[in-house]
Amino acid sequence: MNRRAFLSASAIAAAASAFRPLDLWGAPQARLGFPLTDVTGSAGINFKHNNGAYGGKLLPETLGSGCAFLDYDADGWQDILLVNSADWPGHVRQRSTLKLYRNNRNGTFTDVTRAAGLDVEMYGMGVAVGDYNNDGFPDILITCVGQNRLFRNTGKGTFVDATNSSGLGKRQAFSTSALWFDYDRDGLLDLFVCNYVKWAPEHDVFCSVDGKHKSYCTPEAYVGQTCWLFHNRGNGSFEDVTASSGIFDSSSKSLGAAMFDYDHDGWPDLLVANDTQPNKLYRNQRNRTFKDVAVEAGIAFSAEGKARAGMGVDIGDFDNSGRAGVAITNFDNEMIGLYRADASGNFSDIAVQSGIGLPSKTTLGFGCVFADCDLDGSLDLIAVNGHIDDTVRNVRNVGYAQPPQLFLNNGKGSFREAGAEVGGAFSAPKVGRGLAVGDFDRDGDADILMTTNNGPAYLFRNDHTAGNHSIRFKLVGTKSNRDAIGAQVRIFSDGIWQSRNVRSGSSYLSHSELPATFGLGKRDKIERLVIDWPSGRTEEFKDLASGKSYEIIEGKGIKSGAGF
């Protein structure tokens, strides 16, 4: 069934506007009902990012690395992957690799990096997770400075390096974020890779604050580099379609990417956050080509018409309107951009009036994720911050390490920054970079994983105490790609629509879990579940109980009590 024929976006918006949004946290200073407990050490996560810095002030050292929640062994429990960089040639002091931690299902993890075949050195940046061969086991792309690496999951607890056999070993660059999506809706995941600037150690530009000592350059010192699009041939290999697809653009300096169907035509579009260049919104033209419509859509620039230093990006229906909004983190003194779409698909930056703008003006944001932290039915926004140079405090009144921010959504169009109320390790200043969310302990709420530049990773367990309920869905595609990446999941309860998208990518260099989690407040059931599959099929289910996880296989029904 055509999704538009079943329930149009305008119909969803009309239904949403007719009802009062959830408003459960009440007064502005209400006590948080979800302590974020630092369980990094007790969970067995022992990781330190190595950016290779030796004093040469090389540009990639500033950007950090990403992280991911993924179920690599398909046992229904979220595992953890942490990307690492490396020492530079000629300055080798240690060996560093990414880390894969298997979930032991008891709140702890085991380092299985070597056993899984991932004990490989590279100057890693980001991670994208997706089952590109539809065998039921997620594969991993690591973006790098130099050669990106594709690791195919064997389904036996190990990975094999498929970089060359897949055809991805022919191009090298300074790659950053990446995502998997099925842009031509043939049931196979294609690959989109962001590239930053044209850079090599031997061509590193000398930048200086005082004219004498080298400092890290801003991207203005380098020319941009196009992103890449690779089409999945279905035989384990990919075709580079960057030029023919309309994606090619050598002016971009891309750091973050997200996928969503911004025009509600059933075809996935791409949003790219660029550093000091206009953001890009690539509209899928349904013929294997894209057109950049960011300027006319109102998302290319700030409200003042300026290109900002876009870092991370996420998509979320934060006002329960049926239309996805956008968050983009930027440099200090630029504020987070929070874009809300109208019925015609045009975006307006509402950061200031929403309460997100001013608290984020003095921070330099990287990873950002929409998640319903308090399970009240409205998406909140998490952002991690940190400057690019440890000498910045000598230049302006901004610190190098900066506290993460947690913007709580009151369900009525405004947010308040509550990061300090969390306290403890979460609110301590960090040089934050990657950020992902996933329910690693399967208690129905969003736990938080973050990385820091040249520092440790952190795992924060959400210990929800407010008594709000949730409901979770895992989708398995049959005609669609097996991960169902690109599916839209909508629920209706007590006059309120909520929506989530199954997506790869988003945030910054990172990947959050694929299952969709909805907060329900005190509601004990939902009246309707509507799934728009990437294949174009629409399915509906009714009267589902809260507090449960459900697995839906495309065309084959729904199963409650599924473990994931």
Protein backbone atom coordinates (compact mmCIF):
# COMPACT_ATOMS: atom_id res chain seq x y z
CA MET A 1 0.00 0.00 0.00
CA ASN A 2 1.23 3.49 -0.79
CA ARG A 3 2.09 5.29 2.43
CA ARG A 4 0.56 8.54 1.27
CA ALA A 5 -2.73 6.81 0.55
CA PHE A 6 -2.74 5.35 4.05
CA LEU A 7 -1.85 8.34 6.15
CA SER A 8 -0.35 11.52 4.75
CA ALA A 9 2.07 13.75 6.62
CA SER A 10 -0.48 16.56 6.61
CA ALA A 11 -3.03 14.25 8.22
CA ILE A 12 -0.56 13.34 10.94
CA ALA A 13 0.21 17.00 11.54
CA ALA A 14 -3.48 17.86 11.76
CA ALA A 15 -4.09 15.06 14.23
CA ALA A 16 -1.12 16.10 16.33
CA SER A 17 -2.16 19.77 16.45
CA ALA A 18 -5.63 18.83 17.60
CA PHE A 19 -4.36 17.35 20.84
CA ARG A 20 -2.34 18.64 23.73
CA PRO A 21 1.28 17.35 23.73
CA LEU A 22 2.53 15.40 26.69
CA ASP A 23 3.78 17.62 29.50
CA LEU A 24 5.00 15.45 32.33
CA TRP A 25 8.06 17.07 33.82
CA GLY A 26 6.05 20.05 34.99
CA ALA A 27 7.73 23.02 36.64
CA PRO A 28 11.04 24.22 35.16
CA GLN A 29 13.09 22.99 38.08
CA ALA A 30 11.39 19.62 38.55
CA ARG A 31 13.72 16.90 39.77
CA LEU A 32 15.12 14.71 37.05
CA GLY A 33 13.59 11.25 37.00
CA PHE A 34 16.44 9.55 35.20
CA PRO A 35 19.83 9.60 36.94
CA LEU A 36 22.67 8.95 34.49
CA THR A 37 25.07 6.64 36.29
CA ASP A 38 28.65 6.35 35.08
CA VAL A 39 29.14 2.60 34.71
CA THR A 40 32.17 2.75 32.42
CA GLY A 41 34.53 1.02 34.81
CA SER A 42 32.09 -1.42 36.37
CA ALA A 43 30.89 -2.44 32.90
CA GLY A 44 34.44 -3.32 31.88
CA ILE A 45 34.93 -0.54 29.32
CA ASN A 46 38.61 0.37 29.33
CA PHE A 47 39.40 2.61 26.39
CA LYS A 48 41.49 5.68 25.68
CA HIS A 49 41.46 7.41 22.34
CA ASN A 50 44.86 8.12 20.79
CA ASN A 51 44.90 11.06 18.38
CA GLY A 52 48.62 10.68 17.74
CA ALA A 53 49.46 14.21 18.87
CA TYR A 54 53.21 14.70 19.31
CA GLY A 55 53.43 18.51 19.01
CA GLY A 56 53.10 18.83 15.25
CA LYS A 57 49.52 20.17 15.53
CA LEU A 58 48.22 18.12 12.61
CA LEU A 59 44.61 18.87 11.66
CA PRO A 60 43.03 15.40 12.19
CA GLU A 61 44.16 15.41 15.83
CA THR A 62 41.40 17.88 16.66
CA LEU A 63 38.43 15.83 15.52
CA GLY A 64 38.38 12.81 17.83
CA SER A 65 36.56 9.58 16.96
CA GLY A 66 33.14 8.01 17.08
CA CYS A 67 31.30 5.15 18.80
CA ALA A 68 28.46 2.75 18.14
CA PHE A 69 25.81 0.61 19.75
CA LEU A 70 25.34 -2.51 17.62
CA ASP A 71 24.22 -6.10 18.07
CA TYR A 72 27.13 -7.67 16.22
CA ASP A 73 26.37 -11.27 17.31
CA ALA A 74 22.57 -10.96 16.85
CA ASP A 75 21.83 -12.17 20.38
CA GLY A 76 19.40 -9.32 21.10
CA TRP A 77 21.79 -7.32 23.32
CA GLN A 78 23.53 -4.11 22.26
CA ASP A 79 27.30 -4.37 22.05
CA ILE A 80 29.72 -1.43 21.93
CA LEU A 81 32.30 -0.37 19.36
CA LEU A 82 34.79 2.44 19.99
CA VAL A 83 36.84 3.87 17.12
CA ASN A 84 40.49 4.71 17.67
CA SER A 85 43.10 6.66 15.76
CA ALA A 86 46.88 6.06 15.79
CA ASP A 87 50.35 7.49 16.07
CA TRP A 88 51.74 9.28 13.05
CA PRO A 89 54.54 7.70 10.98
CA GLY A 90 57.87 8.73 12.40
CA HIS A 91 56.36 9.37 15.82
CA VAL A 92 55.25 5.90 16.89
CA ARG A 93 54.99 5.42 20.65
CA GLN A 94 52.17 2.90 21.10
CA ARG A 95 49.88 0.55 19.24
CA SER A 96 46.19 1.50 19.29
CA THR A 97 43.17 -0.14 17.68
CA LEU A 98 39.42 0.15 17.81
CA LYS A 99 37.67 -1.83 20.54
CA LEU A 100 34.68 -4.16 20.28
CA TYR A 101 32.96 -5.03 23.54
CA ARG A 102 30.47 -7.91 23.68
CA ASN A 103 27.51 -7.47 25.99
CA ASN A 104 27.57 -10.13 28.71
CA ARG A 105 23.85 -9.55 29.42
CA ASN A 106 24.52 -8.74 33.08
CA GLY A 107 25.61 -5.11 32.86
CA THR A 108 29.19 -5.94 31.92
CA PHE A 109 31.11 -6.26 28.66
CA THR A 110 34.04 -8.33 27.42
CA ASP A 111 36.70 -7.00 25.07
CA VAL A 112 36.49 -9.30 22.02
CA THR A 113 38.44 -7.11 19.60
CA ARG A 114 41.19 -9.60 18.88
CA ALA A 115 38.90 -12.64 18.79
CA ALA A 116 36.62 -10.82 16.35
CA GLY A 117 39.46 -10.02 13.96
CA LEU A 118 39.30 -6.26 14.52
CA ASP A 119 42.68 -5.81 16.18
CA VAL A 120 43.81 -3.61 13.30
CA GLU A 121 45.69 -0.31 13.40
CA MET A 122 44.34 2.62 11.38
CA TYR A 123 43.78 6.33 11.85
CA GLY A 124 40.09 5.80 12.46
CA MET A 125 37.49 8.55 12.61
CA GLY A 126 33.89 7.36 12.33
CA VAL A 127 31.76 4.23 12.19
CA ALA A 128 28.68 3.21 10.21
CA VAL A 129 26.87 -0.05 10.94
CA GLY A 130 24.61 -1.85 8.47
CA ASP A 131 23.84 -5.32 7.11
CA TYR A 132 24.86 -4.62 3.50
CA ASN A 133 24.56 -8.27 2.39
CA ASN A 134 21.25 -8.97 4.21
CA ASP A 135 22.55 -12.04 6.05
CA GLY A 136 21.22 -10.98 9.45
CA PHE A 137 24.54 -9.82 10.91
CA PRO A 138 25.64 -6.16 10.93
CA ASP A 139 28.75 -5.16 9.03
CA ILE A 140 31.04 -2.28 9.98
CA LEU A 141 32.56 0.57 8.00
CA ILE A 142 35.33 2.52 9.72
CA THR A 143 36.11 5.88 8.14
CA CYS A 144 39.73 6.92 8.31
CA VAL A 145 42.36 9.43 7.43
CA GLY A 146 43.64 7.55 4.41
CA GLN A 147 41.96 4.25 3.56
CA ASN A 148 38.50 3.53 4.91
CA ARG A 149 37.97 -0.07 6.02
CA LEU A 150 34.95 -2.32 5.51
CA PHE A 151 34.62 -5.33 7.83
CA ARG A 152 32.10 -7.98 6.82
CA ASN A 153 30.45 -9.91 9.64
CA THR A 154 30.80 -13.66 9.14
CA GLY A 155 27.95 -14.46 11.54
CA LYS A 156 30.35 -16.55 13.61
CA GLY A 157 31.56 -13.83 15.96
CA THR A 158 34.28 -12.63 13.60
CA PHE A 159 34.80 -10.09 10.85
CA VAL A 160 36.82 -10.23 7.65
CA ASP A 161 38.34 -7.22 5.90
CA ALA A 162 36.27 -6.72 2.74
CA THR A 163 37.72 -3.35 1.81
CA ASN A 164 39.39 -4.45 -1.40
CA SER A 165 36.94 -7.15 -2.47
CA SER A 166 34.06 -4.68 -2.10
CA GLY A 167 35.71 -2.11 -4.35
CA LEU A 168 36.03 0.46 -1.55
CA GLY A 169 39.83 0.18 -1.48
CA LYS A 170 40.37 2.31 -4.54
CA ARG A 171 39.97 5.74 -2.95
CA GLN A 172 41.61 7.45 0.00
CA ALA A 173 40.71 10.71 1.71
CA PHE A 174 40.12 12.42 5.05
CA SER A 175 36.78 10.75 5.75
CA THR A 176 34.55 11.55 8.72
CA SER A 177 30.92 10.47 9.22
CA ALA A 178 29.20 7.82 7.11
CA LEU A 179 25.84 6.10 6.88
CA TRP A 180 24.10 3.18 5.21
CA PHE A 181 20.79 3.73 3.40
CA ASP A 182 18.87 2.27 0.49
CA TYR A 183 18.62 5.30 -1.75
CA ASP A 184 17.17 3.42 -4.77
CA ARG A 185 14.88 1.17 -2.67
CA ASP A 186 16.13 -2.07 -4.21
CA GLY A 187 16.41 -3.78 -0.82
CA LEU A 188 20.19 -3.37 -0.57
CA LEU A 189 22.02 -0.87 1.63
CA ASP A 190 24.12 1.69 -0.20
CA LEU A 191 26.89 3.72 1.44
CA PHE A 192 27.35 7.47 1.87
CA VAL A 193 30.70 8.78 3.16
CA CYS A 194 31.52 12.32 4.27
CA ASN A 195 34.95 13.74 3.47
CA TYR A 196 36.38 16.79 5.19
CA VAL A 197 39.20 18.62 3.39
CA LYS A 198 42.11 17.78 1.16
CA TRP A 199 44.89 17.14 3.65
CA ALA A 200 48.05 15.12 4.05
CA PRO A 201 50.80 15.34 6.70
CA GLU A 202 53.27 16.66 4.17
CA HIS A 203 50.84 19.42 3.18
CA ASP A 204 49.77 20.48 6.67
CA VAL A 205 49.47 24.27 6.70
CA PHE A 206 51.33 26.37 9.27
CA CYS A 207 48.80 28.34 11.32
CA SER A 208 49.65 30.42 14.36
CA VAL A 209 47.94 32.61 16.91
CA ASP A 210 51.03 34.59 17.84
CA GLY A 211 52.94 34.30 14.56
CA LYS A 212 55.61 32.13 16.12
CA HIS A 213 54.15 28.91 17.48
CA LYS A 214 52.16 26.46 15.37
CA SER A 215 48.51 26.02 16.24
CA TYR A 216 45.70 23.95 14.79
CA CYS A 217 44.27 25.42 11.61
CA THR A 218 40.60 25.98 10.95
CA PRO A 219 39.16 24.42 7.77
CA GLU A 220 39.45 27.74 5.91
CA ALA A 221 43.13 26.89 5.45
CA TYR A 222 42.25 23.96 3.17
CA VAL A 223 40.12 23.30 0.12
CA GLY A 224 37.11 21.06 0.51
CA GLN A 225 36.56 17.54 -0.74
CA THR A 226 33.47 15.89 -2.12
CA CYS A 227 31.44 13.30 -0.25
CA TRP A 228 31.12 9.85 -1.83
CA LEU A 229 28.13 7.70 -2.71
CA PHE A 230 28.56 3.97 -3.36
CA HIS A 231 25.79 1.86 -4.89
CA ASN A 232 25.43 -1.71 -3.63
CA ARG A 233 25.60 -4.10 -6.59
CA GLY A 234 24.23 -7.01 -4.55
CA ASN A 235 27.27 -9.24 -5.07
CA GLY A 236 29.40 -7.92 -2.20
CA SER A 237 30.80 -5.03 -4.19
CA PHE A 238 29.98 -1.35 -4.62
CA GLU A 239 30.00 1.06 -7.53
CA ASP A 240 31.17 4.64 -7.04
CA VAL A 241 28.25 6.75 -8.28
CA THR A 242 29.32 10.05 -6.72
CA ALA A 243 29.46 11.95 -9.99
CA SER A 244 26.46 10.43 -11.75
CA SER A 245 24.21 10.79 -8.67
CA GLY A 246 24.65 14.56 -8.34
CA ILE A 247 26.41 14.25 -4.99
CA PHE A 248 29.78 15.48 -6.25
CA ASP A 249 30.70 18.83 -4.68
CA SER A 250 34.34 19.69 -4.02
CA SER A 251 33.43 22.76 -1.96
CA SER A 252 31.98 20.74 0.91
CA LYS A 253 33.82 20.24 4.19
CA SER A 254 31.59 17.58 5.66
CA LEU A 255 31.58 16.30 9.23
CA GLY A 256 28.08 15.00 9.93
CA ALA A 257 25.37 13.26 7.91
CA ALA A 258 21.81 12.12 8.51
CA MET A 259 19.12 10.49 6.41
CA PHE A 260 15.40 11.21 6.49
CA ASP A 261 12.47 11.57 4.14
CA TYR A 262 12.14 15.31 4.40
CA ASP A 263 9.53 15.69 1.64
CA HIS A 264 7.46 12.64 2.69
CA ASP A 265 7.56 11.00 -0.74
CA GLY A 266 8.81 7.64 0.56
CA TRP A 267 12.37 8.08 -0.73
CA PRO A 268 15.32 8.76 1.63
CA ASP A 269 17.02 12.14 1.43
CA LEU A 270 20.40 13.20 2.85
CA LEU A 271 21.37 16.06 5.13
CA VAL A 272 25.06 16.94 5.43
CA ALA A 273 26.53 19.27 8.07
CA ASN A 274 29.44 21.24 6.63
CA ASP A 275 32.18 23.10 8.47
CA THR A 276 32.34 26.77 7.35
CA GLN A 277 30.42 25.87 4.18
CA PRO A 278 26.65 25.79 3.59
CA ASN A 279 24.93 22.63 4.78
CA LYS A 280 23.57 20.35 2.05
CA LEU A 281 20.13 18.79 1.75
CA TYR A 282 20.22 16.25 -1.06
CA ARG A 283 16.67 15.56 -2.25
CA ASN A 284 16.23 12.09 -3.68
CA GLN A 285 14.80 12.50 -7.18
CA ARG A 286 13.69 8.84 -7.31
CA ASN A 287 15.88 8.09 -10.34
CA ARG A 288 19.18 7.38 -8.57
CA THR A 289 20.09 11.06 -8.57
CA PHE A 290 19.97 13.82 -5.95
CA LYS A 291 19.53 17.57 -6.03
CA ASP A 292 20.80 19.94 -3.36
CA VAL A 293 17.79 21.94 -2.10
CA ALA A 294 19.29 23.18 1.19
CA VAL A 295 19.12 26.88 0.31
CA GLU A 296 15.48 26.90 -0.75
CA ALA A 297 14.55 24.62 2.16
CA GLY A 298 16.13 27.09 4.61
CA ILE A 299 18.66 24.74 6.17
CA ALA A 300 21.90 25.76 4.43
CA PHE A 301 22.65 28.74 6.65
CA SER A 302 21.98 30.23 10.05
CA ALA A 303 19.01 32.53 10.60
CA GLU A 304 21.39 35.39 9.79
CA GLY A 305 22.24 33.85 6.42
CA LYS A 306 25.74 32.69 7.38
CA ALA A 307 27.45 29.35 6.89
CA ARG A 308 28.39 27.96 10.29
CA ALA A 309 30.87 25.34 11.46
CA GLY A 310 28.51 22.37 11.29
CA MET A 311 29.82 19.36 13.21
CA GLY A 312 27.12 16.88 14.25
CA VAL A 313 23.54 16.44 13.12
CA ASP A 314 20.46 14.47 14.11
CA ILE A 315 16.89 14.17 12.91
CA GLY A 316 13.87 13.85 15.18
CA ASP A 317 10.18 14.66 15.41
CA PHE A 318 10.70 16.71 18.54
CA ASP A 319 7.32 18.45 18.42
CA ASN A 320 5.27 15.32 17.56
CA SER A 321 4.01 17.05 14.43
CA GLY A 322 4.71 14.17 12.07
CA ARG A 323 7.50 16.20 10.48
CA ALA A 324 11.13 15.56 11.37
CA GLY A 325 13.11 18.45 12.81
CA VAL A 326 16.86 18.90 12.64
CA ALA A 327 19.60 19.69 15.17
CA ILE A 328 23.07 20.76 14.00
CA THR A 329 25.92 21.48 16.40
CA ASN A 330 28.28 24.32 15.56
CA PHE A 331 31.37 26.22 16.74
CA ASP A 332 31.39 28.34 19.89
CA ASN A 333 29.60 31.68 19.52
CA GLU A 334 27.38 30.10 16.85
CA MET A 335 24.75 28.15 18.83
CA ILE A 336 23.16 24.83 18.00
CA GLY A 337 20.84 25.09 15.03
CA LEU A 338 17.36 23.68 15.73
CA TYR A 339 15.29 23.59 12.57
CA ARG A 340 11.56 22.96 12.48
CA ALA A 341 9.79 22.17 9.23
CA ASP A 342 6.44 23.56 8.14
CA ALA A 343 3.84 21.66 6.12
CA SER A 344 5.55 22.59 2.85
CA GLY A 345 8.91 21.22 3.97
CA ASN A 346 10.63 24.55 4.57
CA PHE A 347 12.79 24.87 7.68
CA SER A 348 13.15 27.68 10.21
CA ASP A 349 15.85 27.88 12.88
CA ILE A 350 13.96 28.14 16.18
CA ALA A 351 16.98 27.57 18.45
CA VAL A 352 16.65 30.86 20.33
CA GLN A 353 12.91 30.75 20.98
CA SER A 354 13.06 27.04 21.87
CA GLY A 355 15.54 27.62 24.71
CA ILE A 356 18.41 25.72 23.06
CA GLY A 357 20.17 28.63 21.36
CA LEU A 358 21.58 30.80 24.14
CA PRO A 359 22.78 27.96 26.44
CA SER A 360 24.70 26.51 23.49
CA LYS A 361 26.30 29.75 22.31
CA THR A 362 29.43 29.41 24.43
CA THR A 363 29.96 25.72 23.64
CA LEU A 364 31.59 24.00 20.69
CA GLY A 365 29.32 21.07 19.91
CA PHE A 366 30.11 17.78 18.20
CA GLY A 367 27.87 14.72 18.71
CA CYS A 368 24.14 15.28 19.17
CA VAL A 369 21.25 12.85 19.51
CA PHE A 370 17.50 13.15 19.95
CA ALA A 371 16.27 10.70 22.61
CA ASP A 372 13.36 10.61 25.03
CA CYS A 373 15.52 10.44 28.15
CA ASP A 374 12.66 10.78 30.63
CA LEU A 375 10.16 8.68 28.62
CA ASP A 376 7.51 11.41 28.74
CA GLY A 377 6.67 11.15 25.03
CA SER A 378 8.74 14.09 23.74
CA LEU A 379 12.23 13.86 22.30
CA ASP A 380 14.99 15.54 24.28
CA LEU A 381 18.35 16.58 22.83
CA ILE A 382 21.79 15.53 24.09
CA ALA A 383 24.93 17.30 22.88
CA VAL A 384 28.60 16.73 23.72
CA ASN A 385 31.03 19.62 23.61
CA GLY A 386 34.72 20.40 23.61
CA HIS A 387 37.08 22.77 21.86
CA ILE A 388 39.64 21.87 19.20
CA ASP A 389 42.73 23.36 20.83
CA ASP A 390 43.89 23.04 24.43
CA THR A 391 45.31 26.59 24.25
CA VAL A 392 41.90 28.11 23.54
CA ARG A 393 41.45 29.24 27.12
CA ASN A 394 44.34 31.63 26.59
CA VAL A 395 42.60 33.25 23.64
CA ARG A 396 38.90 33.55 24.54
CA ASN A 397 36.71 32.95 27.56
CA VAL A 398 35.90 29.38 26.53
CA GLY A 399 37.41 26.22 27.97
CA TYR A 400 38.96 23.33 26.10
CA ALA A 401 36.97 20.73 28.07
CA GLN A 402 33.26 21.55 28.24
CA PRO A 403 30.29 19.87 29.95
CA PRO A 404 27.82 17.89 27.84
CA GLN A 405 24.37 19.40 27.58
CA LEU A 406 20.98 17.79 28.07
CA PHE A 407 18.04 19.78 26.73
CA LEU A 408 14.76 18.54 28.21
CA ASN A 409 11.67 18.93 26.05
CA ASN A 410 8.53 20.09 27.87
CA GLY A 411 6.27 18.84 25.07
CA LYS A 412 5.10 22.36 24.23
CA GLY A 413 7.87 23.56 21.96
CA SER A 414 10.51 24.60 24.46
CA PHE A 415 13.57 23.05 26.08
CA ARG A 416 15.59 23.69 29.20
CA GLU A 417 19.23 22.78 29.70
CA ALA A 418 19.41 20.26 32.56
CA GLY A 419 22.90 18.80 32.16
CA ALA A 420 24.11 20.31 35.42
CA GLU A 421 21.22 18.68 37.29
CA VAL A 422 22.49 15.24 36.29
CA GLY A 423 25.71 15.96 38.18
CA GLY A 424 28.56 13.53 38.67
CA ALA A 425 30.65 12.34 35.77
CA PHE A 426 28.09 13.26 33.13
CA SER A 427 28.16 17.00 33.82
CA ALA A 428 31.95 17.17 34.29
CA PRO A 429 33.81 19.06 31.52
CA LYS A 430 35.09 16.81 28.73
CA VAL A 431 36.62 17.20 25.29
CA GLY A 432 33.54 15.53 23.85
CA ARG A 433 33.27 14.19 20.30
CA GLY A 434 31.24 11.03 19.52
CA LEU A 435 27.80 10.31 20.97
CA ALA A 436 25.37 7.40 20.60
CA VAL A 437 22.35 6.05 22.47
CA GLY A 438 21.14 2.50 23.00
CA ASP A 439 19.38 0.39 25.61
CA PHE A 440 22.29 -1.87 26.56
CA ASP A 441 20.61 -3.27 29.71
CA ARG A 442 17.20 -3.80 28.06
CA ASP A 443 15.23 -1.88 30.66
CA GLY A 444 13.42 0.26 28.09
CA ASP A 445 15.27 3.57 28.30
CA ALA A 446 18.11 5.28 26.46
CA ASP A 447 21.63 4.75 27.80
CA ILE A 448 24.42 7.03 26.58
CA LEU A 449 27.83 6.29 25.06
CA MET A 450 30.31 9.07 24.36
CA THR A 451 33.93 9.51 23.34
CA THR A 452 36.45 12.23 24.08
CA ASN A 453 39.39 13.42 22.03
CA ASN A 454 42.64 11.80 23.17
CA GLY A 455 40.79 10.66 26.29
CA PRO A 456 38.48 8.00 27.68
CA ALA A 457 35.09 6.79 26.52
CA TYR A 458 32.10 6.95 28.87
CA LEU A 459 29.06 4.72 29.31
CA PHE A 460 26.16 6.23 31.24
CA ARG A 461 23.30 4.00 32.33
CA ASN A 462 19.89 5.63 32.42
CA ASP A 463 18.38 4.62 35.77
CA HIS A 464 14.83 5.78 35.14
CA THR A 465 13.00 6.41 38.42
CA ALA A 466 9.92 8.42 37.39
CA GLY A 467 7.83 5.36 36.59
CA ASN A 468 7.15 6.33 32.98
CA HIS A 469 6.55 3.53 30.51
CA SER A 470 8.10 2.81 27.14
CA ILE A 471 7.58 0.55 24.16
CA ARG A 472 10.27 -0.71 21.77
CA PHE A 473 10.22 -2.02 18.22
CA LYS A 474 12.75 -3.94 16.18
CA LEU A 475 12.04 -4.11 12.46
CA VAL A 476 13.24 -6.84 10.10
CA GLY A 477 12.90 -6.18 6.39
CA THR A 478 12.09 -8.85 3.81
CA LYS A 479 11.47 -6.91 0.61
CA SER A 480 13.10 -3.92 2.31
CA ASN A 481 16.72 -4.09 3.44
CA ARG A 482 16.96 -6.48 6.38
CA ASP A 483 17.81 -3.72 8.88
CA ALA A 484 14.73 -1.76 7.72
CA ILE A 485 16.93 1.35 7.60
CA GLY A 486 14.73 4.12 6.24
CA ALA A 487 11.50 2.84 7.82
CA GLN A 488 9.24 5.26 9.63
CA VAL A 489 7.59 4.03 12.83
CA ARG A 490 4.58 5.92 14.21
CA ILE A 491 2.49 5.29 17.29
CA PHE A 492 -0.80 6.80 18.38
CA SER A 493 -1.93 6.96 22.00
CA ASP A 494 -4.46 9.21 23.76
CA GLY A 495 -4.65 11.59 20.82
CA ILE A 496 -0.90 11.95 20.36
CA TRP A 497 1.22 10.81 17.44
CA GLN A 498 4.91 10.08 17.87
CA SER A 499 7.31 9.07 15.11
CA ARG A 500 10.80 7.61 14.82
CA ASN A 501 12.97 6.70 11.88
CA VAL A 502 15.14 3.60 11.69
CA ARG A 503 18.42 5.11 10.60
CA SER A 504 22.14 4.66 10.25
CA GLY A 505 24.52 7.53 10.88
CA SER A 506 23.51 10.84 12.56
CA SER A 507 25.26 12.46 15.52
CA TYR A 508 29.00 12.84 14.78
CA LEU A 509 31.17 9.93 13.58
CA SER A 510 28.77 7.61 15.45
CA HIS A 511 25.89 5.14 15.22
CA SER A 512 23.01 4.62 17.67
CA GLU A 513 21.03 1.41 18.04
CA LEU A 514 18.51 0.50 15.34
CA PRO A 515 15.50 -0.48 17.53
CA ALA A 516 13.03 2.37 18.05
CA THR A 517 12.10 3.41 21.60
CA PHE A 518 9.03 5.49 22.47
CA GLY A 519 8.28 7.02 25.85
CA LEU A 520 4.64 6.76 26.91
CA GLY A 521 4.49 8.56 30.25
CA LYS A 522 2.01 6.70 32.45
CA ARG A 523 0.15 5.13 29.55
CA ASP A 524 -0.11 1.36 29.67
CA LYS A 525 -0.75 0.79 25.97
CA ILE A 526 -0.77 2.35 22.52
CA GLU A 527 -3.80 2.33 20.28
CA ARG A 528 -2.06 2.10 16.92
CA LEU A 529 1.32 1.29 15.44
CA VAL A 530 1.93 2.26 11.81
CA ILE A 531 5.07 1.22 9.93
CA ASP A 532 6.05 2.67 6.57
CA TRP A 533 8.66 0.25 5.22
CA PRO A 534 11.41 1.34 2.81
CA SER A 535 9.85 -0.91 0.16
CA GLY A 536 6.70 1.24 0.18
CA ARG A 537 4.61 -1.23 2.15
CA THR A 538 2.55 0.10 5.08
CA GLU A 539 1.42 -2.07 7.99
CA GLU A 540 -0.72 -1.29 11.00
CA PHE A 541 -1.11 -2.99 14.38
CA LYS A 542 -3.46 -2.11 17.22
CA ASP A 543 -3.66 -2.20 21.03
CA LEU A 544 -0.09 -2.99 22.05
CA ALA A 545 0.92 -3.05 25.71
CA SER A 546 3.65 -0.78 27.06
CA GLY A 547 6.70 -2.12 28.85
CA LYS A 548 7.38 -4.62 26.09
CA SER A 549 9.60 -5.09 23.09
CA TYR A 550 8.09 -6.14 19.78
CA GLU A 551 9.71 -7.58 16.68
CA ILE A 552 7.95 -6.91 13.38
CA ILE A 553 8.98 -8.86 10.27
CA GLU A 554 7.87 -7.15 7.10
CA GLY A 555 4.74 -8.85 5.79
CA LYS A 556 4.83 -11.58 8.44
CA GLY A 557 3.34 -9.96 11.52
CA ILE A 558 4.40 -8.89 14.99
CA LYS A 559 5.84 -10.84 17.90
CA SER A 560 5.75 -9.58 21.49
CA GLY A 561 8.28 -10.37 24.15
CA ALA A 562 11.07 -10.33 21.61
CA GLY A 563 14.46 -9.98 23.22
CA PHE A 564 16.50 -7.00 22.08
